[in-house]
Amino acid sequence: MFNKVKISSLKRNRLKDLLIKTTHQKVLSFFLAHPTQSFYGSEISKKIGISIGQTSQVLNGLFKAGLVKKERKGKTELYNIVADFPVLKTYKVLNTLVSIAPLIEKLQNVSKRIILYGSCAKGINTDESDLDLFITSNYAEKVLDIISHYAYEEYYGFSEIRPVIKKAVEWLVLEEKDPVFYNELQKGILLYEKEIDESRL
């Protein structure tokens, strides 16, 4: 069955401000968004907006914890993430959910169900992966319009959003018509499901 999470966000991404707050979290999140790349400490410092001293301290801590690897290049060192570290996969999924919170909030207005599936739901995505969203909605054009206006700078560890949009009646028969895809969705993360108005039953 689905792993259900509740995502909420206001105009700015408050979840990101709250959950990716410390310098350690910011550096780790940066690495996880680019798991196949290596960076110099000075690059990380500029991209995240923290001092060289802070960056060096954080990198040293992450290296001692076994979360990053380093390679000597001349007089300096290159760092990259240990992407297959089990805990990091879960933390990466959290970062993905945080980054798309504003998008999911907007999609809720025109959707009955939203499921994150595929590599991003498993924490094994790279910055070249698709973000796979299954959306039950009778307003496909509105869904696509909302997604098209989602700020690219909010993309976290993926290059493109790939929605699969089905009407409510199509969802009801999906298990029978496409059991393989349905089973894949069952392994995903249920981000939103509209509550049933029992008074109308």
C-alpha atoms as a PDB file:
ATOM      1  CA  MET A   1       0.000   0.000   0.000  1.00  0.00           C
ATOM      2  CA  PHE A   2       0.923   3.646  -0.243  1.00  0.00           C
ATOM      3  CA  ASN A   3       3.194   5.448   2.172  1.00  0.00           C
ATOM      4  CA  LYS A   4       1.019   8.498   2.897  1.00  0.00           C
ATOM      5  CA  VAL A   5       2.511  11.840   3.844  1.00  0.00           C
ATOM      6  CA  LYS A   6       0.878  15.199   4.406  1.00  0.00           C
ATOM      7  CA  ILE A   7       2.393  18.102   2.519  1.00  0.00           C
ATOM      8  CA  SER A   8       1.460  21.687   3.204  1.00  0.00           C
ATOM      9  CA  SER A   9       3.061  24.974   2.198  1.00  0.00           C
ATOM     10  CA  LEU A  10       2.274  28.655   2.028  1.00  0.00           C
ATOM     11  CA  LYS A  11       3.475  31.242  -0.510  1.00  0.00           C
ATOM     12  CA  ARG A  12       7.115  30.596   0.286  1.00  0.00           C
ATOM     13  CA  ASN A  13       8.435  27.143   0.971  1.00  0.00           C
ATOM     14  CA  ARG A  14       8.288  27.195   4.759  1.00  0.00           C
ATOM     15  CA  LEU A  15       9.006  23.485   4.986  1.00  0.00           C
ATOM     16  CA  LYS A  16      12.356  24.105   3.327  1.00  0.00           C
ATOM     17  CA  ASP A  17      13.108  26.956   5.733  1.00  0.00           C
ATOM     18  CA  LEU A  18      12.307  24.716   8.707  1.00  0.00           C
ATOM     19  CA  LEU A  19      13.688  21.338   7.675  1.00  0.00           C
ATOM     20  CA  ILE A  20      16.772  22.327   5.678  1.00  0.00           C
ATOM     21  CA  LYS A  21      18.031  24.987   8.035  1.00  0.00           C
ATOM     22  CA  THR A  22      21.494  24.183   9.391  1.00  0.00           C
ATOM     23  CA  THR A  23      24.676  24.417   7.357  1.00  0.00           C
ATOM     24  CA  HIS A  24      25.114  20.635   7.612  1.00  0.00           C
ATOM     25  CA  GLN A  25      21.626  20.075   6.209  1.00  0.00           C
ATOM     26  CA  LYS A  26      22.156  22.574   3.393  1.00  0.00           C
ATOM     27  CA  VAL A  27      25.468  21.033   2.318  1.00  0.00           C
ATOM     28  CA  LEU A  28      24.125  17.484   2.542  1.00  0.00           C
ATOM     29  CA  SER A  29      21.013  18.427   0.583  1.00  0.00           C
ATOM     30  CA  PHE A  30      23.173  20.053  -2.086  1.00  0.00           C
ATOM     31  CA  PHE A  31      25.215  16.875  -2.507  1.00  0.00           C
ATOM     32  CA  LEU A  32      22.095  14.718  -2.687  1.00  0.00           C
ATOM     33  CA  ALA A  33      20.689  16.901  -5.457  1.00  0.00           C
ATOM     34  CA  HIS A  34      23.846  16.205  -7.486  1.00  0.00           C
ATOM     35  CA  PRO A  35      24.819  12.634  -6.510  1.00  0.00           C
ATOM     36  CA  THR A  36      26.943  11.942  -9.600  1.00  0.00           C
ATOM     37  CA  GLN A  37      29.058  15.084  -9.364  1.00  0.00           C
ATOM     38  CA  SER A  38      32.106  16.100  -7.323  1.00  0.00           C
ATOM     39  CA  PHE A  39      32.742  19.577  -5.946  1.00  0.00           C
ATOM     40  CA  TYR A  40      35.502  21.668  -4.424  1.00  0.00           C
ATOM     41  CA  GLY A  41      34.772  23.227  -1.069  1.00  0.00           C
ATOM     42  CA  SER A  42      34.941  26.697  -2.634  1.00  0.00           C
ATOM     43  CA  GLU A  43      32.226  25.719  -5.158  1.00  0.00           C
ATOM     44  CA  ILE A  44      29.916  24.520  -2.416  1.00  0.00           C
ATOM     45  CA  SER A  45      30.551  27.673  -0.412  1.00  0.00           C
ATOM     46  CA  LYS A  46      29.489  29.909  -3.320  1.00  0.00           C
ATOM     47  CA  LYS A  47      26.467  27.854  -4.360  1.00  0.00           C
ATOM     48  CA  ILE A  48      25.029  27.570  -0.857  1.00  0.00           C
ATOM     49  CA  GLY A  49      26.090  30.989   0.388  1.00  0.00           C
ATOM     50  CA  ILE A  50      28.111  30.046   3.455  1.00  0.00           C
ATOM     51  CA  SER A  51      31.695  30.880   4.381  1.00  0.00           C
ATOM     52  CA  ILE A  52      34.695  28.796   3.362  1.00  0.00           C
ATOM     53  CA  GLY A  53      35.375  28.110   7.034  1.00  0.00           C
ATOM     54  CA  GLN A  54      31.871  26.798   7.649  1.00  0.00           C
ATOM     55  CA  THR A  55      32.024  24.711   4.486  1.00  0.00           C
ATOM     56  CA  SER A  56      35.321  23.103   5.500  1.00  0.00           C
ATOM     57  CA  GLN A  57      33.977  22.319   8.954  1.00  0.00           C
ATOM     58  CA  VAL A  58      30.813  20.744   7.562  1.00  0.00           C
ATOM     59  CA  LEU A  59      32.674  18.717   4.920  1.00  0.00           C
ATOM     60  CA  ASN A  60      35.057  17.398   7.549  1.00  0.00           C
ATOM     61  CA  GLY A  61      32.118  16.302   9.702  1.00  0.00           C
ATOM     62  CA  LEU A  62      30.329  14.618   6.809  1.00  0.00           C
ATOM     63  CA  PHE A  63      33.535  12.853   5.783  1.00  0.00           C
ATOM     64  CA  LYS A  64      34.123  11.503   9.299  1.00  0.00           C
ATOM     65  CA  ALA A  65      30.525  10.255   9.355  1.00  0.00           C
ATOM     66  CA  GLY A  66      31.122   8.358   6.102  1.00  0.00           C
ATOM     67  CA  LEU A  67      28.545  10.376   4.178  1.00  0.00           C
ATOM     68  CA  VAL A  68      30.951  11.934   1.665  1.00  0.00           C
ATOM     69  CA  LYS A  69      34.154  10.839  -0.025  1.00  0.00           C
ATOM     70  CA  LYS A  70      37.083  13.057  -0.937  1.00  0.00           C
ATOM     71  CA  GLU A  71      39.781  12.890  -3.569  1.00  0.00           C
ATOM     72  CA  ARG A  72      42.993  14.895  -3.604  1.00  0.00           C
ATOM     73  CA  LYS A  73      43.370  17.136  -6.663  1.00  0.00           C
ATOM     74  CA  GLY A  74      46.614  19.089  -6.592  1.00  0.00           C
ATOM     75  CA  LYS A  75      46.574  21.343  -3.537  1.00  0.00           C
ATOM     76  CA  THR A  76      42.864  20.937  -2.845  1.00  0.00           C
ATOM     77  CA  GLU A  77      40.226  18.217  -2.526  1.00  0.00           C
ATOM     78  CA  LEU A  78      37.113  17.153  -4.420  1.00  0.00           C
ATOM     79  CA  TYR A  79      34.099  15.876  -2.491  1.00  0.00           C
ATOM     80  CA  ASN A  80      31.166  13.732  -3.534  1.00  0.00           C
ATOM     81  CA  ILE A  81      28.303  12.020  -1.748  1.00  0.00           C
ATOM     82  CA  VAL A  82      28.121   8.329  -0.804  1.00  0.00           C
ATOM     83  CA  ALA A  83      24.820   7.998  -2.663  1.00  0.00           C
ATOM     84  CA  ASP A  84      24.038   4.401  -1.671  1.00  0.00           C
ATOM     85  CA  PHE A  85      24.206   5.122   2.064  1.00  0.00           C
ATOM     86  CA  PRO A  86      20.795   3.788   3.288  1.00  0.00           C
ATOM     87  CA  VAL A  87      19.932   6.718   5.571  1.00  0.00           C
ATOM     88  CA  LEU A  88      20.702   9.203   2.807  1.00  0.00           C
ATOM     89  CA  LYS A  89      18.089   7.660   0.513  1.00  0.00           C
ATOM     90  CA  THR A  90      15.389   8.441   3.056  1.00  0.00           C
ATOM     91  CA  TYR A  91      16.781  11.928   3.626  1.00  0.00           C
ATOM     92  CA  LYS A  92      16.838  12.483  -0.114  1.00  0.00           C
ATOM     93  CA  VAL A  93      13.150  11.577  -0.402  1.00  0.00           C
ATOM     94  CA  LEU A  94      12.432  14.103   2.360  1.00  0.00           C
ATOM     95  CA  ASN A  95      14.319  16.782   0.420  1.00  0.00           C
ATOM     96  CA  THR A  96      12.346  15.974  -2.723  1.00  0.00           C
ATOM     97  CA  LEU A  97       9.034  16.220  -0.858  1.00  0.00           C
ATOM     98  CA  VAL A  98      10.070  19.530   0.654  1.00  0.00           C
ATOM     99  CA  SER A  99      11.100  20.959  -2.712  1.00  0.00           C
ATOM    100  CA  ILE A 100       7.809  20.084  -4.422  1.00  0.00           C
ATOM    101  CA  ALA A 101       5.548  21.110  -1.515  1.00  0.00           C
ATOM    102  CA  PRO A 102       4.436  24.396  -3.174  1.00  0.00           C
ATOM    103  CA  LEU A 103       3.621  22.528  -6.384  1.00  0.00           C
ATOM    104  CA  ILE A 104       1.593  19.855  -4.611  1.00  0.00           C
ATOM    105  CA  GLU A 105      -0.351  22.505  -2.735  1.00  0.00           C
ATOM    106  CA  LYS A 106      -1.436  24.115  -6.004  1.00  0.00           C
ATOM    107  CA  LEU A 107      -2.253  20.784  -7.643  1.00  0.00           C
ATOM    108  CA  GLN A 108      -4.545  19.823  -4.773  1.00  0.00           C
ATOM    109  CA  ASN A 109      -7.067  22.394  -5.978  1.00  0.00           C
ATOM    110  CA  VAL A 110      -7.626  20.489  -9.239  1.00  0.00           C
ATOM    111  CA  SER A 111      -6.807  16.914  -8.209  1.00  0.00           C
ATOM    112  CA  LYS A 112      -8.369  14.033  -6.335  1.00  0.00           C
ATOM    113  CA  ARG A 113      -5.184  12.053  -5.812  1.00  0.00           C
ATOM    114  CA  ILE A 114      -1.446  12.679  -6.215  1.00  0.00           C
ATOM    115  CA  ILE A 115       1.167   9.933  -5.982  1.00  0.00           C
ATOM    116  CA  LEU A 116       4.947  10.251  -6.224  1.00  0.00           C
ATOM    117  CA  TYR A 117       6.452   7.080  -7.681  1.00  0.00           C
ATOM    118  CA  GLY A 118       9.611   5.906  -9.421  1.00  0.00           C
ATOM    119  CA  SER A 119      13.185   6.810  -8.528  1.00  0.00           C
ATOM    120  CA  CYS A 120      12.320  10.011  -6.629  1.00  0.00           C
ATOM    121  CA  ALA A 121      10.032   8.067  -4.294  1.00  0.00           C
ATOM    122  CA  LYS A 122      12.854   5.620  -3.577  1.00  0.00           C
ATOM    123  CA  GLY A 123      15.653   8.147  -3.086  1.00  0.00           C
ATOM    124  CA  ILE A 124      17.712   6.772  -5.963  1.00  0.00           C
ATOM    125  CA  ASN A 125      17.171   9.626  -8.426  1.00  0.00           C
ATOM    126  CA  THR A 126      19.936  11.710  -9.987  1.00  0.00           C
ATOM    127  CA  ASP A 127      19.794  15.271 -11.312  1.00  0.00           C
ATOM    128  CA  GLU A 128      18.981  13.762 -14.736  1.00  0.00           C
ATOM    129  CA  SER A 129      15.968  11.778 -13.477  1.00  0.00           C
ATOM    130  CA  ASP A 130      12.307  12.517 -14.091  1.00  0.00           C
ATOM    131  CA  LEU A 131       9.994  13.357 -11.220  1.00  0.00           C
ATOM    132  CA  ASP A 132       7.138  10.897 -11.757  1.00  0.00           C
ATOM    133  CA  LEU A 133       3.730  12.062 -10.535  1.00  0.00           C
ATOM    134  CA  PHE A 134       0.479  10.150 -10.939  1.00  0.00           C
ATOM    135  CA  ILE A 135      -2.466  12.532 -10.722  1.00  0.00           C
ATOM    136  CA  THR A 136      -6.159  11.713 -10.666  1.00  0.00           C
ATOM    137  CA  SER A 137      -7.946  14.753 -12.051  1.00  0.00           C
ATOM    138  CA  ASN A 138     -10.753  15.711 -14.403  1.00  0.00           C
ATOM    139  CA  TYR A 139      -8.901  18.922 -15.239  1.00  0.00           C
ATOM    140  CA  ALA A 140      -5.824  17.752 -17.141  1.00  0.00           C
ATOM    141  CA  GLU A 141      -5.180  21.092 -18.848  1.00  0.00           C
ATOM    142  CA  LYS A 142      -5.187  22.941 -15.527  1.00  0.00           C
ATOM    143  CA  VAL A 143      -2.816  20.374 -14.040  1.00  0.00           C
ATOM    144  CA  LEU A 144      -0.376  20.785 -16.922  1.00  0.00           C
ATOM    145  CA  ASP A 145      -0.600  24.568 -16.695  1.00  0.00           C
ATOM    146  CA  ILE A 146       0.269  24.527 -12.987  1.00  0.00           C
ATOM    147  CA  ILE A 147       3.223  22.214 -13.598  1.00  0.00           C
ATOM    148  CA  SER A 148       4.488  24.351 -16.486  1.00  0.00           C
ATOM    149  CA  HIS A 149       4.660  27.369 -14.166  1.00  0.00           C
ATOM    150  CA  TYR A 150       6.548  25.555 -11.412  1.00  0.00           C
ATOM    151  CA  ALA A 151       9.843  27.393 -10.864  1.00  0.00           C
ATOM    152  CA  TYR A 152      12.798  25.474 -12.292  1.00  0.00           C
ATOM    153  CA  GLU A 153      15.046  26.623  -9.440  1.00  0.00           C
ATOM    154  CA  GLU A 154      12.889  24.551  -7.089  1.00  0.00           C
ATOM    155  CA  TYR A 155      13.799  21.329  -8.910  1.00  0.00           C
ATOM    156  CA  TYR A 156      15.640  19.086  -6.473  1.00  0.00           C
ATOM    157  CA  GLY A 157      17.527  16.118  -7.832  1.00  0.00           C
ATOM    158  CA  PHE A 158      15.494  15.820 -11.025  1.00  0.00           C
ATOM    159  CA  SER A 159      15.511  17.425 -14.461  1.00  0.00           C
ATOM    160  CA  GLU A 160      11.885  17.216 -15.549  1.00  0.00           C
ATOM    161  CA  ILE A 161       8.424  16.649 -14.099  1.00  0.00           C
ATOM    162  CA  ARG A 162       6.611  13.820 -15.848  1.00  0.00           C
ATOM    163  CA  PRO A 163       2.929  13.653 -14.893  1.00  0.00           C
ATOM    164  CA  VAL A 164       0.568  10.801 -15.703  1.00  0.00           C
ATOM    165  CA  ILE A 165      -2.959  12.203 -15.500  1.00  0.00           C
ATOM    166  CA  LYS A 166      -6.010   9.959 -15.299  1.00  0.00           C
ATOM    167  CA  LYS A 167      -9.672  10.784 -14.765  1.00  0.00           C
ATOM    168  CA  ALA A 168     -11.399   9.461 -11.661  1.00  0.00           C
ATOM    169  CA  VAL A 169     -13.214   6.765 -13.642  1.00  0.00           C
ATOM    170  CA  GLU A 170      -9.936   5.618 -15.182  1.00  0.00           C
ATOM    171  CA  TRP A 171      -8.397   5.227 -11.722  1.00  0.00           C
ATOM    172  CA  LEU A 172     -11.211   2.882 -10.711  1.00  0.00           C
ATOM    173  CA  VAL A 173     -10.318   0.386 -13.450  1.00  0.00           C
ATOM    174  CA  LEU A 174      -6.536   0.919 -13.507  1.00  0.00           C
ATOM    175  CA  GLU A 175      -5.738  -2.149 -11.391  1.00  0.00           C
ATOM    176  CA  GLU A 176      -7.583  -4.360 -13.859  1.00  0.00           C
ATOM    177  CA  LYS A 177      -6.366  -2.681 -17.066  1.00  0.00           C
ATOM    178  CA  ASP A 178      -2.722  -2.105 -16.109  1.00  0.00           C
ATOM    179  CA  PRO A 179      -1.820  -4.184 -13.032  1.00  0.00           C
ATOM    180  CA  VAL A 180       1.931  -3.693 -13.463  1.00  0.00           C
ATOM    181  CA  PHE A 181       1.644   0.094 -13.392  1.00  0.00           C
ATOM    182  CA  TYR A 182      -0.912  -0.061 -10.593  1.00  0.00           C
ATOM    183  CA  ASN A 183       1.478  -2.150  -8.473  1.00  0.00           C
ATOM    184  CA  GLU A 184       4.248   0.382  -9.131  1.00  0.00           C
ATOM    185  CA  LEU A 185       1.967   3.134  -7.841  1.00  0.00           C
ATOM    186  CA  GLN A 186       1.213   1.062  -4.733  1.00  0.00           C
ATOM    187  CA  LYS A 187       4.927   1.264  -3.896  1.00  0.00           C
ATOM    188  CA  GLY A 188       4.873   5.045  -4.240  1.00  0.00           C
ATOM    189  CA  ILE A 189       4.101   7.832  -1.794  1.00  0.00           C
ATOM    190  CA  LEU A 190       0.573   9.171  -1.570  1.00  0.00           C
ATOM    191  CA  LEU A 191       1.001  12.940  -1.357  1.00  0.00           C
ATOM    192  CA  TYR A 192      -2.655  13.901  -1.473  1.00  0.00           C
ATOM    193  CA  GLU A 193      -6.076  12.290  -1.562  1.00  0.00           C
ATOM    194  CA  LYS A 194      -9.298  14.254  -1.497  1.00  0.00           C
ATOM    195  CA  GLU A 195     -11.525  13.317   1.396  1.00  0.00           C
ATOM    196  CA  ILE A 196     -14.850  11.726   0.500  1.00  0.00           C
ATOM    197  CA  ASP A 197     -17.905  13.727   1.511  1.00  0.00           C
ATOM    198  CA  GLU A 198     -19.812  10.997   3.351  1.00  0.00           C
ATOM    199  CA  SER A 199     -22.901  13.184   3.540  1.00  0.00           C
ATOM    200  CA  ARG A 200     -23.374  12.615  -0.181  1.00  0.00           C
ATOM    201  CA  LEU A 201     -23.191   8.848   0.069  1.00  0.00           C
END
